[in-house]
Amino acid sequence: MKNQVFVPTVAKFPNDILGSWRIQEPFVQASYQRGLMLVELGGIKAVTDEAGIQIKNLETLKDEYGDTPIVTMLSNTPFEEMDWLHNAALAANHVRCGIHFAAVIPIGGRKIVTFHLNSLVTEETFLSKSAEDWRELFDFRIAPMLKDVAQYAASNGVELKVETVPVPEYGDWTQENDLSYLGKKVRHLRNPFYLTTYWGFQQLRRLGLGICLDLCHNRTIYRAAGQLESHGIIFDDDKYMLSSPSHDLMTDVLGLLPTDLVHLNDGLGDFTQQGDVFKEGVPLGQGDIEDLREIINHLNHRKIPFVIEVDEGGDFKNRPGTKASIEYLLKQ
């Protein structure tokens, strides 16, 4: 097997499951093992109230899917249901519900659950503490809760991976489409716990968690570090290190383990205070990640599994972004 690959699906729609499975047939011919990532929408209710319909729909693929690993990606909204800074108990309960759901999924062998540390704050609050202060707060308030859910996952035969986030976390949202949280538009909120090999990866591993590296997300961290406008987006204390040759997106890729997971995609553009946004989930080869081919080769060499997670432009029936990415991937 060349590597394990996944394609997202919304399992409450049976046709979507079948479409996500069938679109991967070229991978079988190229010696990849295909798989599914279940995208949970709408918060906790997706893995509780809507669990039954998903399980029923997934049953139809049981014989064909076999013991292939399967990923469950927990919902990032409503924001308060995955807010590890202000509502840690609720966020932990959300993840526990996701673990229970993943454990009883009727298809697949290895069960993986991913989630964000959706710890948003205003820019003023972000700037009110140093990077060291925020990380001490992480160790005191958030780490114990994460360790607890990691132990719960292990006892249920489920692997937990924390997904990396962009900076700003919602820097791809236009002002016209923005939502509010904490009394501010989310485009103007910041996440003090952005994850890289410089800070984050090892801290999570010590708690029993794995890493889900989203390429287009971490791309924004290193691009921001090299810009004058990074103040209030990343910590000034991090800027020198994250803009140096010793740390870049490839450094994060090299810091992964075969038990980790990657959201394989491209990215484009930059966030600015003047209203510019970056693009997430750009189809492979259509963005500006220069080392993309090298990254893919490394993932395949070390058998680090990945999800083709790209923007479909609203056309989920034909899935042009996924098809273009598969074509790019198989041209290697």
Protein backbone atom coordinates (compact mmCIF):
# COMPACT_ATOMS: atom_id res chain seq x y z
CA MET A 1 0.00 0.00 0.00
CA LYS A 2 1.35 3.40 -0.97
CA ASN A 3 -0.53 5.25 1.78
CA GLN A 4 -3.90 5.66 3.49
CA VAL A 5 -6.08 8.43 2.07
CA PHE A 6 -9.48 9.75 3.18
CA VAL A 7 -12.16 11.87 1.51
CA PRO A 8 -14.73 13.85 3.54
CA THR A 9 -18.37 12.80 3.63
CA VAL A 10 -21.52 13.92 5.45
CA ALA A 11 -22.84 10.56 6.63
CA LYS A 12 -26.44 11.65 7.25
CA PHE A 13 -26.78 11.72 3.44
CA PRO A 14 -26.46 8.19 1.97
CA ASN A 15 -25.72 9.47 -1.54
CA ASP A 16 -22.88 11.56 -0.16
CA ILE A 17 -21.31 8.49 1.44
CA LEU A 18 -21.45 6.58 -1.80
CA GLY A 19 -20.12 9.53 -3.81
CA SER A 20 -17.18 10.01 -1.44
CA TRP A 21 -16.33 6.32 -1.66
CA ARG A 22 -16.66 5.95 -5.42
CA ILE A 23 -14.70 9.09 -6.26
CA GLN A 24 -11.64 7.39 -4.76
CA GLU A 25 -11.57 4.46 -7.18
CA PRO A 26 -8.50 5.91 -8.99
CA PHE A 27 -6.61 5.59 -5.68
CA VAL A 28 -7.18 1.83 -5.66
CA GLN A 29 -5.52 1.56 -9.07
CA ALA A 30 -2.57 3.62 -7.78
CA SER A 31 -2.04 1.38 -4.69
CA TYR A 32 -3.49 3.82 -2.16
CA GLN A 33 -6.00 2.57 0.38
CA ARG A 34 -9.15 4.68 0.29
CA GLY A 35 -11.19 5.74 3.32
CA LEU A 36 -13.77 8.21 4.63
CA MET A 37 -13.68 11.17 7.00
CA LEU A 38 -17.09 11.80 8.57
CA VAL A 39 -17.76 15.55 8.72
CA GLU A 40 -19.96 16.32 11.72
CA LEU A 41 -21.97 19.52 11.26
CA GLY A 42 -23.90 21.49 13.86
CA GLY A 43 -22.09 20.74 17.09
CA ILE A 44 -22.80 18.09 19.73
CA LYS A 45 -26.15 17.15 18.19
CA ALA A 46 -24.34 15.74 15.15
CA VAL A 47 -22.80 12.92 17.24
CA THR A 48 -25.79 12.44 19.54
CA ASP A 49 -29.19 13.24 18.02
CA GLU A 50 -28.02 12.47 14.47
CA ALA A 51 -25.80 9.51 15.32
CA GLY A 52 -28.48 6.92 14.55
CA ILE A 53 -29.11 8.03 10.95
CA GLN A 54 -25.36 8.12 10.27
CA ILE A 55 -24.87 4.62 11.66
CA LYS A 56 -27.77 3.32 9.59
CA ASN A 57 -26.37 4.86 6.40
CA LEU A 58 -22.83 3.63 7.05
CA GLU A 59 -24.07 0.06 7.56
CA THR A 60 -24.69 -0.17 3.80
CA LEU A 61 -20.93 0.12 3.15
CA LYS A 62 -19.85 -2.31 5.86
CA ASP A 63 -18.79 -5.27 3.70
CA GLU A 64 -17.00 -3.13 1.13
CA TYR A 65 -15.25 -0.85 3.65
CA GLY A 66 -13.79 -3.64 5.74
CA ASP A 67 -11.16 -2.79 8.37
CA THR A 68 -9.98 0.40 6.67
CA PRO A 69 -9.42 3.21 9.21
CA ILE A 70 -12.16 5.84 9.50
CA VAL A 71 -11.96 9.46 10.71
CA THR A 72 -14.61 11.54 12.49
CA MET A 73 -14.08 15.32 12.33
CA LEU A 74 -16.04 17.05 15.08
CA SER A 75 -17.89 20.28 14.42
CA ASN A 76 -16.19 23.60 15.12
CA THR A 77 -19.51 25.43 15.54
CA PRO A 78 -21.47 26.50 17.52
CA PHE A 79 -18.31 28.14 18.85
CA GLU A 80 -19.27 27.75 22.51
CA GLU A 81 -19.50 23.95 22.15
CA MET A 82 -15.79 23.65 21.29
CA ASP A 83 -14.40 26.54 23.33
CA TRP A 84 -11.60 25.09 25.47
CA LEU A 85 -10.80 28.42 27.08
CA HIS A 86 -14.22 29.67 28.23
CA ASN A 87 -16.31 26.45 28.21
CA ALA A 88 -13.81 23.63 28.73
CA ALA A 89 -16.32 21.31 30.39
CA LEU A 90 -18.77 21.67 27.50
CA ALA A 91 -15.99 21.22 24.93
CA ALA A 92 -14.74 18.10 26.72
CA ASN A 93 -18.27 16.69 26.78
CA HIS A 94 -18.54 17.37 23.04
CA VAL A 95 -15.37 15.38 22.43
CA ARG A 96 -16.51 12.55 24.72
CA CYS A 97 -19.75 12.32 22.73
CA GLY A 98 -17.66 12.19 19.56
CA ILE A 99 -15.52 9.41 21.01
CA HIS A 100 -18.59 7.38 21.93
CA PHE A 101 -20.00 7.87 18.41
CA ALA A 102 -16.72 6.87 16.75
CA ALA A 103 -16.42 3.76 18.93
CA VAL A 104 -19.74 2.37 17.67
CA ILE A 105 -19.37 3.28 13.98
CA PRO A 106 -20.29 0.03 12.19
CA ILE A 107 -17.56 0.25 9.54
CA GLY A 108 -13.79 0.45 9.69
CA GLY A 109 -11.11 -0.74 12.05
CA ARG A 110 -8.88 2.04 13.43
CA LYS A 111 -11.14 4.87 14.72
CA ILE A 112 -9.78 8.44 14.70
CA VAL A 113 -11.47 11.60 16.03
CA THR A 114 -10.21 15.13 15.29
CA PHE A 115 -11.19 18.48 16.80
CA HIS A 116 -10.05 22.11 17.18
CA LEU A 117 -8.91 23.89 20.32
CA ASN A 118 -11.47 26.55 19.50
CA SER A 119 -10.16 29.03 22.11
CA LEU A 120 -11.07 32.39 20.62
CA VAL A 121 -10.36 35.72 22.28
CA THR A 122 -10.52 39.37 21.27
CA GLU A 123 -7.37 40.94 19.93
CA GLU A 124 -7.16 43.06 23.08
CA THR A 125 -7.27 39.95 25.28
CA PHE A 126 -4.74 38.21 23.04
CA LEU A 127 -2.33 41.11 23.52
CA SER A 128 -2.95 41.34 27.27
CA LYS A 129 -0.68 38.36 27.95
CA SER A 130 2.68 37.23 26.64
CA ALA A 131 3.11 33.95 24.81
CA GLU A 132 4.61 32.49 27.99
CA ASP A 133 1.60 33.64 30.05
CA TRP A 134 -0.87 32.11 27.62
CA ARG A 135 1.02 28.84 27.59
CA GLU A 136 1.07 28.72 31.37
CA LEU A 137 -2.70 29.21 31.25
CA PHE A 138 -2.92 26.34 28.75
CA ASP A 139 -1.00 24.06 31.11
CA PHE A 140 -3.16 25.06 34.09
CA ARG A 141 -6.66 25.26 32.61
CA ILE A 142 -6.82 23.30 29.35
CA ALA A 143 -4.18 20.56 29.53
CA PRO A 144 -5.84 18.62 32.39
CA MET A 145 -9.14 18.47 30.47
CA LEU A 146 -7.36 17.33 27.32
CA LYS A 147 -5.49 14.62 29.21
CA ASP A 148 -8.79 13.39 30.61
CA VAL A 149 -10.49 13.10 27.21
CA ALA A 150 -7.37 11.45 25.76
CA GLN A 151 -7.55 8.77 28.46
CA TYR A 152 -11.29 8.34 27.81
CA ALA A 153 -10.59 7.90 24.10
CA ALA A 154 -7.88 5.31 24.73
CA SER A 155 -10.20 3.32 27.00
CA ASN A 156 -12.73 3.23 24.16
CA GLY A 157 -10.24 2.24 21.45
CA VAL A 158 -10.36 5.65 19.74
CA GLU A 159 -7.43 7.90 18.76
CA LEU A 160 -7.71 11.66 19.34
CA LYS A 161 -5.95 14.19 17.09
CA VAL A 162 -6.02 17.96 17.59
CA GLU A 163 -6.28 19.91 14.34
CA THR A 164 -4.02 22.89 13.76
CA VAL A 165 -5.72 26.24 13.11
CA PRO A 166 -4.86 29.21 10.89
CA VAL A 167 -4.02 32.70 12.11
CA PRO A 168 -6.37 34.42 12.43
CA GLU A 169 -8.52 31.32 12.85
CA TYR A 170 -11.27 32.85 10.71
CA GLY A 171 -9.08 35.01 8.52
CA ASP A 172 -10.70 33.48 5.43
CA TRP A 173 -14.12 34.93 6.31
CA THR A 174 -15.18 38.07 4.48
CA GLN A 175 -16.75 40.91 6.43
CA GLU A 176 -20.06 40.33 4.65
CA ASN A 177 -20.32 36.69 5.75
CA ASP A 178 -18.88 37.11 9.24
CA LEU A 179 -20.57 35.81 12.41
CA SER A 180 -20.24 37.16 15.94
CA TYR A 181 -18.87 35.56 19.10
CA LEU A 182 -17.80 37.15 22.38
CA GLY A 183 -19.36 40.39 21.16
CA LYS A 184 -17.04 40.62 18.14
CA LYS A 185 -17.03 39.47 14.54
CA VAL A 186 -15.09 36.22 14.48
CA ARG A 187 -12.81 37.53 11.75
CA HIS A 188 -11.38 39.86 14.41
CA LEU A 189 -10.93 37.17 17.07
CA ARG A 190 -7.63 35.43 17.74
CA ASN A 191 -6.56 31.99 18.98
CA PRO A 192 -3.57 32.07 21.36
CA PHE A 193 -3.02 28.31 20.97
CA TYR A 194 -1.84 27.93 17.38
CA LEU A 195 0.10 24.71 17.01
CA THR A 196 3.50 24.10 15.42
CA THR A 197 6.63 22.09 16.16
CA TYR A 198 7.91 25.21 17.94
CA TRP A 199 5.06 25.09 20.46
CA GLY A 200 2.11 22.74 20.62
CA PHE A 201 3.02 19.42 19.06
CA GLN A 202 5.06 18.08 21.97
CA GLN A 203 2.72 19.57 24.57
CA LEU A 204 -0.20 17.65 23.05
CA ARG A 205 1.78 14.43 22.69
CA ARG A 206 2.63 14.49 26.40
CA LEU A 207 -1.11 14.58 27.12
CA GLY A 208 -1.73 11.45 25.01
CA LEU A 209 -3.03 13.28 21.92
CA GLY A 210 -1.95 13.16 18.30
CA ILE A 211 -1.64 15.89 15.68
CA CYS A 212 -3.88 16.62 12.71
CA LEU A 213 -1.77 18.98 10.63
CA ASP A 214 -3.84 21.08 8.23
CA LEU A 215 -1.38 22.33 5.61
CA CYS A 216 -3.29 25.42 4.52
CA HIS A 217 -3.84 26.37 8.16
CA ASN A 218 -0.19 26.21 9.20
CA ARG A 219 0.82 27.90 5.99
CA THR A 220 -0.85 31.06 7.34
CA ILE A 221 1.25 30.96 10.54
CA TYR A 222 4.55 31.12 8.69
CA ARG A 223 3.34 33.68 6.17
CA ALA A 224 2.05 35.89 9.00
CA ALA A 225 5.35 35.58 10.85
CA GLY A 226 7.13 37.08 7.86
CA GLN A 227 4.81 40.09 7.60
CA LEU A 228 4.86 43.44 9.36
CA GLU A 229 1.14 43.09 10.19
CA SER A 230 1.56 40.02 12.38
CA HIS A 231 1.24 41.99 15.65
CA GLY A 232 -1.95 40.87 17.35
CA ILE A 233 -2.19 37.78 15.11
CA ILE A 234 0.80 35.78 16.31
CA PHE A 235 2.86 36.49 19.41
CA ASP A 236 5.71 38.94 18.97
CA ASP A 237 7.76 36.48 21.06
CA ASP A 238 7.25 33.83 18.35
CA LYS A 239 7.84 36.03 15.35
CA TYR A 240 11.62 35.69 15.13
CA MET A 241 11.64 31.92 15.42
CA LEU A 242 8.67 31.30 13.11
CA SER A 243 10.13 33.53 10.41
CA SER A 244 13.58 31.93 10.57
CA PRO A 245 14.83 29.22 8.17
CA SER A 246 14.76 26.71 11.04
CA HIS A 247 10.94 26.68 11.17
CA ASP A 248 8.54 26.45 8.26
CA LEU A 249 5.68 24.30 7.03
CA MET A 250 8.04 21.49 6.09
CA THR A 251 9.41 21.55 9.64
CA ASP A 252 5.91 20.79 10.90
CA VAL A 253 5.54 17.97 8.37
CA LEU A 254 8.88 16.49 9.45
CA GLY A 255 7.68 16.66 13.05
CA LEU A 256 4.77 14.29 12.40
CA LEU A 257 4.54 10.64 13.38
CA PRO A 258 2.97 7.85 11.29
CA THR A 259 0.14 7.81 13.86
CA ASP A 260 -0.72 11.46 13.05
CA LEU A 261 -3.00 12.75 10.31
CA VAL A 262 -2.74 15.46 7.64
CA HIS A 263 -5.40 17.55 5.92
CA LEU A 264 -3.83 17.67 2.49
CA ASN A 265 -4.70 20.87 0.65
CA ASP A 266 -3.22 24.07 -0.71
CA GLY A 267 -3.63 27.71 0.35
CA LEU A 268 -3.59 31.11 -1.27
CA GLY A 269 -3.38 34.76 -0.25
CA ASP A 270 -2.95 36.56 3.05
CA PHE A 271 -5.05 38.13 5.78
CA THR A 272 -4.67 41.88 6.27
CA GLN A 273 -6.32 44.35 8.60
CA GLN A 274 -7.52 46.21 5.49
CA GLY A 275 -9.94 43.42 4.60
CA ASP A 276 -7.93 40.93 2.52
CA VAL A 277 -8.57 37.26 3.27
CA PHE A 278 -6.65 34.06 2.63
CA LYS A 279 -8.17 31.03 0.94
CA GLU A 280 -8.27 27.69 2.73
CA GLY A 281 -8.61 24.26 1.19
CA VAL A 282 -7.43 25.27 -2.25
CA PRO A 283 -7.20 22.19 -4.55
CA LEU A 284 -3.74 20.66 -4.69
CA GLY A 285 -1.38 22.54 -6.97
CA GLN A 286 -3.62 25.59 -7.30
CA GLY A 287 -2.24 27.48 -4.30
CA ASP A 288 1.15 28.79 -3.21
CA ILE A 289 2.58 26.01 -1.01
CA GLU A 290 5.92 25.65 -2.76
CA ASP A 291 6.97 22.36 -1.15
CA LEU A 292 3.70 20.54 -1.81
CA ARG A 293 5.21 17.77 -3.95
CA GLU A 294 7.98 17.21 -1.45
CA ILE A 295 5.44 17.13 1.39
CA ILE A 296 3.34 14.49 -0.37
CA ASN A 297 6.42 12.38 -1.10
CA HIS A 298 7.41 12.55 2.57
CA LEU A 299 3.92 11.57 3.75
CA ASN A 300 3.88 8.59 1.40
CA HIS A 301 7.39 7.52 2.34
CA ARG A 302 6.58 7.52 6.07
CA LYS A 303 3.00 6.26 5.57
CA ILE A 304 1.46 9.27 7.32
CA PRO A 305 -2.22 9.17 6.29
CA PHE A 306 -3.96 12.21 4.83
CA VAL A 307 -7.39 13.61 4.00
CA ILE A 308 -8.09 15.30 0.67
CA GLU A 309 -9.89 18.27 2.27
CA VAL A 310 -10.49 20.96 -0.35
CA ASP A 311 -13.04 23.60 -1.26
CA GLU A 312 -15.65 22.41 -3.75
CA GLY A 313 -17.01 25.88 -4.47
CA GLY A 314 -20.45 24.68 -3.40
CA ASP A 315 -20.61 21.90 -6.02
CA PHE A 316 -20.69 18.87 -3.74
CA LYS A 317 -22.35 16.73 -6.42
CA ASN A 318 -19.54 16.93 -8.97
CA ARG A 319 -16.72 17.71 -6.49
CA PRO A 320 -14.39 19.53 -8.87
CA GLY A 321 -11.86 20.36 -6.13
CA THR A 322 -11.50 16.75 -5.03
CA LYS A 323 -11.23 15.49 -8.61
CA ALA A 324 -8.55 18.08 -9.44
CA SER A 325 -6.63 17.16 -6.28
CA ILE A 326 -6.78 13.44 -7.04
CA GLU A 327 -5.49 14.14 -10.54
CA TYR A 328 -2.62 16.23 -9.11
CA LEU A 329 -1.77 13.58 -6.54
CA LEU A 330 -1.67 10.73 -9.05
CA LYS A 331 0.57 12.64 -11.44
CA GLN A 332 3.48 12.22 -9.05
